[in-house]
Amino acid sequence: MKTYTAIVERCPDTGLYVGYVPGFPGAHAQAETLDELNRNLKEVIELLLEDGEPKLETEFVGIQTVTLV
């Protein structure tokens, strides 16, 4: 079993959820619901892995909150 971390955002113009795996070229998808987005991301990752395990260009580390005073 392999696990990837996806960043998920919501487009204010379309209302669609957009997700991508940092550092994994081509690993991105969009959908109307979070469940659909998860299925779409799984599908695209599986397709990309058919060409072999990718060498990730970056590594997801985490998120930070930046506070301005």
PDB file of N, CA and C in Angstrom:
ATOM      1  N   MET A   1       0.845  -1.175   0.000  1.00  0.00           N
ATOM      2  CA  MET A   1       0.000   0.000   0.000  1.00  0.00           C
ATOM      3  C   MET A   1       0.891   1.240   0.000  1.00  0.00           C
ATOM      4  N   LYS A   2       0.597   2.179  -0.853  1.00  0.00           N
ATOM      5  CA  LYS A   2       1.350   3.426  -0.965  1.00  0.00           C
ATOM      6  C   LYS A   2       0.400   4.582  -0.655  1.00  0.00           C
ATOM      7  N   THR A   3       0.878   5.555   0.095  1.00  0.00           N
ATOM      8  CA  THR A   3       0.066   6.706   0.468  1.00  0.00           C
ATOM      9  C   THR A   3       0.710   7.979  -0.066  1.00  0.00           C
ATOM     10  N   TYR A   4      -0.110   8.839  -0.646  1.00  0.00           N
ATOM     11  CA  TYR A   4       0.345  10.138  -1.133  1.00  0.00           C
ATOM     12  C   TYR A   4      -0.472  11.225  -0.447  1.00  0.00           C
ATOM     13  N   THR A   5       0.153  12.358  -0.187  1.00  0.00           N
ATOM     14  CA  THR A   5      -0.535  13.500   0.398  1.00  0.00           C
ATOM     15  C   THR A   5      -0.955  14.443  -0.712  1.00  0.00           C
ATOM     16  N   ALA A   6      -2.235  14.789  -0.732  1.00  0.00           N
ATOM     17  CA  ALA A   6      -2.750  15.705  -1.750  1.00  0.00           C
ATOM     18  C   ALA A   6      -3.133  17.030  -1.103  1.00  0.00           C
ATOM     19  N   ILE A   7      -2.843  18.107  -1.797  1.00  0.00           N
ATOM     20  CA  ILE A   7      -3.287  19.436  -1.400  1.00  0.00           C
ATOM     21  C   ILE A   7      -4.641  19.658  -2.064  1.00  0.00           C
ATOM     22  N   VAL A   8      -5.618  20.125  -1.309  1.00  0.00           N
ATOM     23  CA  VAL A   8      -6.964  20.332  -1.847  1.00  0.00           C
ATOM     24  C   VAL A   8      -7.360  21.786  -1.640  1.00  0.00           C
ATOM     25  N   GLU A   9      -7.842  22.387  -2.711  1.00  0.00           N
ATOM     26  CA  GLU A   9      -8.330  23.770  -2.676  1.00  0.00           C
ATOM     27  C   GLU A   9      -9.690  23.796  -3.359  1.00  0.00           C
ATOM     28  N   ARG A  10     -10.430  24.873  -3.132  1.00  0.00           N
ATOM     29  CA  ARG A  10     -11.716  25.031  -3.808  1.00  0.00           C
ATOM     30  C   ARG A  10     -11.650  26.290  -4.662  1.00  0.00           C
ATOM     31  N   CYS A  11     -11.973  26.147  -5.943  1.00  0.00           N
ATOM     32  CA  CYS A  11     -11.930  27.271  -6.873  1.00  0.00           C
ATOM     33  C   CYS A  11     -13.126  28.189  -6.616  1.00  0.00           C
ATOM     34  N   PRO A  12     -12.881  29.467  -6.331  1.00  0.00           N
ATOM     35  CA  PRO A  12     -13.992  30.379  -6.070  1.00  0.00           C
ATOM     36  C   PRO A  12     -14.845  30.665  -7.307  1.00  0.00           C
ATOM     37  N   ASP A  13     -14.275  30.508  -8.484  1.00  0.00           N
ATOM     38  CA  ASP A  13     -15.019  30.780  -9.715  1.00  0.00           C
ATOM     39  C   ASP A  13     -15.951  29.638 -10.105  1.00  0.00           C
ATOM     40  N   THR A  14     -15.473  28.404  -9.987  1.00  0.00           N
ATOM     41  CA  THR A  14     -16.252  27.246 -10.436  1.00  0.00           C
ATOM     42  C   THR A  14     -16.891  26.476  -9.284  1.00  0.00           C
ATOM     43  N   GLY A  15     -16.372  26.648  -8.063  1.00  0.00           N
ATOM     44  CA  GLY A  15     -16.857  25.887  -6.922  1.00  0.00           C
ATOM     45  C   GLY A  15     -16.323  24.468  -6.887  1.00  0.00           C
ATOM     46  N   LEU A  16     -15.460  24.117  -7.838  1.00  0.00           N
ATOM     47  CA  LEU A  16     -14.899  22.770  -7.898  1.00  0.00           C
ATOM     48  C   LEU A  16     -13.749  22.623  -6.911  1.00  0.00           C
ATOM     49  N   TYR A  17     -13.615  21.408  -6.373  1.00  0.00           N
ATOM     50  CA  TYR A  17     -12.452  21.067  -5.566  1.00  0.00           C
ATOM     51  C   TYR A  17     -11.325  20.669  -6.519  1.00  0.00           C
ATOM     52  N   VAL A  18     -10.146  21.162  -6.235  1.00  0.00           N
ATOM     53  CA  VAL A  18      -8.972  20.865  -7.047  1.00  0.00           C
ATOM     54  C   VAL A  18      -7.918  20.268  -6.124  1.00  0.00           C
ATOM     55  N   GLY A  19      -7.368  19.125  -6.523  1.00  0.00           N
ATOM     56  CA  GLY A  19      -6.361  18.474  -5.698  1.00  0.00           C
ATOM     57  C   GLY A  19      -5.135  18.116  -6.507  1.00  0.00           C
ATOM     58  N   TYR A  20      -3.975  18.165  -5.855  1.00  0.00           N
ATOM     59  CA  TYR A  20      -2.735  17.762  -6.517  1.00  0.00           C
ATOM     60  C   TYR A  20      -1.777  17.193  -5.484  1.00  0.00           C
ATOM     61  N   VAL A  21      -0.898  16.324  -5.949  1.00  0.00           N
ATOM     62  CA  VAL A  21       0.125  15.742  -5.094  1.00  0.00           C
ATOM     63  C   VAL A  21       1.411  16.522  -5.339  1.00  0.00           C
ATOM     64  N   PRO A  22       1.911  17.231  -4.313  1.00  0.00           N
ATOM     65  CA  PRO A  22       3.126  18.026  -4.498  1.00  0.00           C
ATOM     66  C   PRO A  22       4.293  17.175  -4.985  1.00  0.00           C
ATOM     67  N   GLY A  23       4.965  17.677  -6.011  1.00  0.00           N
ATOM     68  CA  GLY A  23       6.154  17.017  -6.518  1.00  0.00           C
ATOM     69  C   GLY A  23       5.916  15.848  -7.443  1.00  0.00           C
ATOM     70  N   PHE A  24       4.657  15.483  -7.684  1.00  0.00           N
ATOM     71  CA  PHE A  24       4.313  14.335  -8.525  1.00  0.00           C
ATOM     72  C   PHE A  24       3.711  14.895  -9.820  1.00  0.00           C
ATOM     73  N   PRO A  25       4.533  15.053 -10.862  1.00  0.00           N
ATOM     74  CA  PRO A  25       4.057  15.650 -12.112  1.00  0.00           C
ATOM     75  C   PRO A  25       2.835  14.913 -12.680  1.00  0.00           C
ATOM     76  N   GLY A  26       1.799  15.667 -12.974  1.00  0.00           N
ATOM     77  CA  GLY A  26       0.595  15.104 -13.580  1.00  0.00           C
ATOM     78  C   GLY A  26      -0.423  14.592 -12.584  1.00  0.00           C
ATOM     79  N   ALA A  27      -0.078  14.523 -11.312  1.00  0.00           N
ATOM     80  CA  ALA A  27      -1.000  13.991 -10.302  1.00  0.00           C
ATOM     81  C   ALA A  27      -1.909  15.104  -9.786  1.00  0.00           C
ATOM     82  N   HIS A  28      -2.929  15.417 -10.573  1.00  0.00           N
ATOM     83  CA  HIS A  28      -3.888  16.443 -10.187  1.00  0.00           C
ATOM     84  C   HIS A  28      -5.251  16.084 -10.757  1.00  0.00           C
ATOM     85  N   ALA A  29      -6.300  16.567 -10.101  1.00  0.00           N
ATOM     86  CA  ALA A  29      -7.661  16.279 -10.540  1.00  0.00           C
ATOM     87  C   ALA A  29      -8.594  17.343  -9.971  1.00  0.00           C
ATOM     88  N   GLN A  30      -9.841  17.326 -10.439  1.00  0.00           N
ATOM     89  CA  GLN A  30     -10.855  18.222  -9.904  1.00  0.00           C
ATOM     90  C   GLN A  30     -12.180  17.482  -9.853  1.00  0.00           C
ATOM     91  N   ALA A  31     -13.106  17.997  -9.014  1.00  0.00           N
ATOM     92  CA  ALA A  31     -14.401  17.344  -8.870  1.00  0.00           C
ATOM     93  C   ALA A  31     -15.368  18.256  -8.132  1.00  0.00           C
ATOM     94  N   GLU A  32     -16.638  17.880  -8.167  1.00  0.00           N
ATOM     95  CA  GLU A  32     -17.665  18.659  -7.481  1.00  0.00           C
ATOM     96  C   GLU A  32     -17.747  18.343  -5.990  1.00  0.00           C
ATOM     97  N   THR A  33     -17.311  17.146  -5.580  1.00  0.00           N
ATOM     98  CA  THR A  33     -17.339  16.761  -4.164  1.00  0.00           C
ATOM     99  C   THR A  33     -15.967  16.234  -3.752  1.00  0.00           C
ATOM    100  N   LEU A  34     -15.737  16.209  -2.444  1.00  0.00           N
ATOM    101  CA  LEU A  34     -14.466  15.693  -1.944  1.00  0.00           C
ATOM    102  C   LEU A  34     -14.334  14.196  -2.188  1.00  0.00           C
ATOM    103  N   ASP A  35     -15.435  13.450  -2.068  1.00  0.00           N
ATOM    104  CA  ASP A  35     -15.390  12.013  -2.349  1.00  0.00           C
ATOM    105  C   ASP A  35     -15.030  11.745  -3.807  1.00  0.00           C
ATOM    106  N   GLU A  36     -15.642  12.511  -4.702  1.00  0.00           N
ATOM    107  CA  GLU A  36     -15.346  12.361  -6.128  1.00  0.00           C
ATOM    108  C   GLU A  36     -13.900  12.747  -6.418  1.00  0.00           C
ATOM    109  N   LEU A  37     -13.419  13.799  -5.762  1.00  0.00           N
ATOM    110  CA  LEU A  37     -12.033  14.226  -5.952  1.00  0.00           C
ATOM    111  C   LEU A  37     -11.082  13.115  -5.521  1.00  0.00           C
ATOM    112  N   ASN A  38     -11.364  12.466  -4.392  1.00  0.00           N
ATOM    113  CA  ASN A  38     -10.507  11.382  -3.922  1.00  0.00           C
ATOM    114  C   ASN A  38     -10.478  10.243  -4.938  1.00  0.00           C
ATOM    115  N   ARG A  39     -11.629   9.885  -5.477  1.00  0.00           N
ATOM    116  CA  ARG A  39     -11.678   8.827  -6.493  1.00  0.00           C
ATOM    117  C   ARG A  39     -10.898   9.238  -7.739  1.00  0.00           C
ATOM    118  N   ASN A  40     -11.057  10.502  -8.165  1.00  0.00           N
ATOM    119  CA  ASN A  40     -10.356  10.980  -9.358  1.00  0.00           C
ATOM    120  C   ASN A  40      -8.848  10.995  -9.151  1.00  0.00           C
ATOM    121  N   LEU A  41      -8.408  11.414  -7.965  1.00  0.00           N
ATOM    122  CA  LEU A  41      -6.975  11.425  -7.675  1.00  0.00           C
ATOM    123  C   LEU A  41      -6.412  10.004  -7.654  1.00  0.00           C
ATOM    124  N   LYS A  42      -7.143   9.067  -7.048  1.00  0.00           N
ATOM    125  CA  LYS A  42      -6.693   7.675  -7.043  1.00  0.00           C
ATOM    126  C   LYS A  42      -6.533   7.167  -8.466  1.00  0.00           C
ATOM    127  N   GLU A  43      -7.507   7.474  -9.310  1.00  0.00           N
ATOM    128  CA  GLU A  43      -7.471   7.003 -10.699  1.00  0.00           C
ATOM    129  C   GLU A  43      -6.263   7.563 -11.444  1.00  0.00           C
ATOM    130  N   VAL A  44      -6.035   8.858 -11.320  1.00  0.00           N
ATOM    131  CA  VAL A  44      -4.925   9.465 -12.057  1.00  0.00           C
ATOM    132  C   VAL A  44      -3.581   8.968 -11.529  1.00  0.00           C
ATOM    133  N   ILE A  45      -3.456   8.770 -10.221  1.00  0.00           N
ATOM    134  CA  ILE A  45      -2.204   8.258  -9.658  1.00  0.00           C
ATOM    135  C   ILE A  45      -1.953   6.842 -10.144  1.00  0.00           C
ATOM    136  N   GLU A  46      -2.999   6.015 -10.148  1.00  0.00           N
ATOM    137  CA  GLU A  46      -2.842   4.643 -10.642  1.00  0.00           C
ATOM    138  C   GLU A  46      -2.390   4.629 -12.098  1.00  0.00           C
ATOM    139  N   LEU A  47      -2.961   5.514 -12.906  1.00  0.00           N
ATOM    140  CA  LEU A  47      -2.554   5.598 -14.320  1.00  0.00           C
ATOM    141  C   LEU A  47      -1.095   6.023 -14.446  1.00  0.00           C
ATOM    142  N   LEU A  48      -0.698   7.011 -13.655  1.00  0.00           N
ATOM    143  CA  LEU A  48       0.686   7.483 -13.707  1.00  0.00           C
ATOM    144  C   LEU A  48       1.670   6.413 -13.233  1.00  0.00           C
ATOM    145  N   LEU A  49       1.262   5.592 -12.269  1.00  0.00           N
ATOM    146  CA  LEU A  49       2.142   4.554 -11.744  1.00  0.00           C
ATOM    147  C   LEU A  49       2.330   3.395 -12.718  1.00  0.00           C
ATOM    148  N   GLU A  50       1.482   3.316 -13.744  1.00  0.00           N
ATOM    149  CA  GLU A  50       1.657   2.273 -14.757  1.00  0.00           C
ATOM    150  C   GLU A  50       3.001   2.414 -15.463  1.00  0.00           C
ATOM    151  N   ASP A  51       3.538   3.636 -15.489  1.00  0.00           N
ATOM    152  CA  ASP A  51       4.848   3.890 -16.099  1.00  0.00           C
ATOM    153  C   ASP A  51       5.992   3.667 -15.119  1.00  0.00           C
ATOM    154  N   GLY A  52       5.678   3.210 -13.903  1.00  0.00           N
ATOM    155  CA  GLY A  52       6.694   2.979 -12.885  1.00  0.00           C
ATOM    156  C   GLY A  52       6.606   4.007 -11.779  1.00  0.00           C
ATOM    157  N   GLU A  53       7.268   3.715 -10.695  1.00  0.00           N
ATOM    158  CA  GLU A  53       7.278   4.609  -9.533  1.00  0.00           C
ATOM    159  C   GLU A  53       7.999   5.902  -9.906  1.00  0.00           C
ATOM    160  N   PRO A  54       7.347   7.053  -9.675  1.00  0.00           N
ATOM    161  CA  PRO A  54       7.986   8.319 -10.064  1.00  0.00           C
ATOM    162  C   PRO A  54       9.044   8.753  -9.060  1.00  0.00           C
ATOM    163  N   LYS A  55       9.974   9.533  -9.520  1.00  0.00           N
ATOM    164  CA  LYS A  55      10.897  10.201  -8.618  1.00  0.00           C
ATOM    165  C   LYS A  55      10.247  11.548  -8.303  1.00  0.00           C
ATOM    166  N   LEU A  56       9.800  11.705  -7.069  1.00  0.00           N
ATOM    167  CA  LEU A  56       9.102  12.931  -6.699  1.00  0.00           C
ATOM    168  C   LEU A  56      10.055  14.121  -6.745  1.00  0.00           C
ATOM    169  N   GLU A  57       9.563  15.220  -7.304  1.00  0.00           N
ATOM    170  CA  GLU A  57      10.373  16.423  -7.460  1.00  0.00           C
ATOM    171  C   GLU A  57      10.505  17.202  -6.157  1.00  0.00           C
ATOM    172  N   THR A  58       9.506  17.091  -5.281  1.00  0.00           N
ATOM    173  CA  THR A  58       9.538  17.739  -3.972  1.00  0.00           C
ATOM    174  C   THR A  58       8.913  16.794  -2.962  1.00  0.00           C
ATOM    175  N   GLU A  59       9.039  17.131  -1.685  1.00  0.00           N
ATOM    176  CA  GLU A  59       8.463  16.324  -0.604  1.00  0.00           C
ATOM    177  C   GLU A  59       7.542  17.206   0.227  1.00  0.00           C
ATOM    178  N   PHE A  60       6.309  16.754   0.446  1.00  0.00           N
ATOM    179  CA  PHE A  60       5.378  17.495   1.296  1.00  0.00           C
ATOM    180  C   PHE A  60       5.886  17.457   2.727  1.00  0.00           C
ATOM    181  N   VAL A  61       5.994  18.624   3.350  1.00  0.00           N
ATOM    182  CA  VAL A  61       6.498  18.715   4.709  1.00  0.00           C
ATOM    183  C   VAL A  61       5.369  19.040   5.683  1.00  0.00           C
ATOM    184  N   GLY A  62       4.508  19.964   5.341  1.00  0.00           N
ATOM    185  CA  GLY A  62       3.423  20.348   6.231  1.00  0.00           C
ATOM    186  C   GLY A  62       2.871  21.710   5.854  1.00  0.00           C
ATOM    187  N   ILE A  63       2.092  22.254   6.766  1.00  0.00           N
ATOM    188  CA  ILE A  63       1.517  23.574   6.540  1.00  0.00           C
ATOM    189  C   ILE A  63       1.920  24.482   7.704  1.00  0.00           C
ATOM    190  N   GLN A  64       1.859  25.763   7.470  1.00  0.00           N
ATOM    191  CA  GLN A  64       2.161  26.734   8.517  1.00  0.00           C
ATOM    192  C   GLN A  64       1.105  27.833   8.489  1.00  0.00           C
ATOM    193  N   THR A  65       0.820  28.371   9.639  1.00  0.00           N
ATOM    194  CA  THR A  65      -0.063  29.534   9.752  1.00  0.00           C
ATOM    195  C   THR A  65       0.815  30.757   9.926  1.00  0.00           C
ATOM    196  N   VAL A  66       0.613  31.757   9.101  1.00  0.00           N
ATOM    197  CA  VAL A  66       1.390  32.991   9.165  1.00  0.00           C
ATOM    198  C   VAL A  66       0.455  34.092   9.656  1.00  0.00           C
ATOM    199  N   THR A  67       0.796  34.722  10.773  1.00  0.00           N
ATOM    200  CA  THR A  67      -0.038  35.754  11.365  1.00  0.00           C
ATOM    201  C   THR A  67       0.601  37.118  11.162  1.00  0.00           C
ATOM    202  N   LEU A  68      -0.166  38.027  10.614  1.00  0.00           N
ATOM    203  CA  LEU A  68       0.289  39.415  10.448  1.00  0.00           C
ATOM    204  C   LEU A  68      -0.354  40.268  11.510  1.00  0.00           C
ATOM    205  N   VAL A  69       0.434  41.134  12.104  1.00  0.00           N
ATOM    206  CA  VAL A  69      -0.081  41.992  13.176  1.00  0.00           C
ATOM    207  C   VAL A  69      -0.377  43.366  12.634  1.00  0.00           C
TER     208      VAL A  69
END
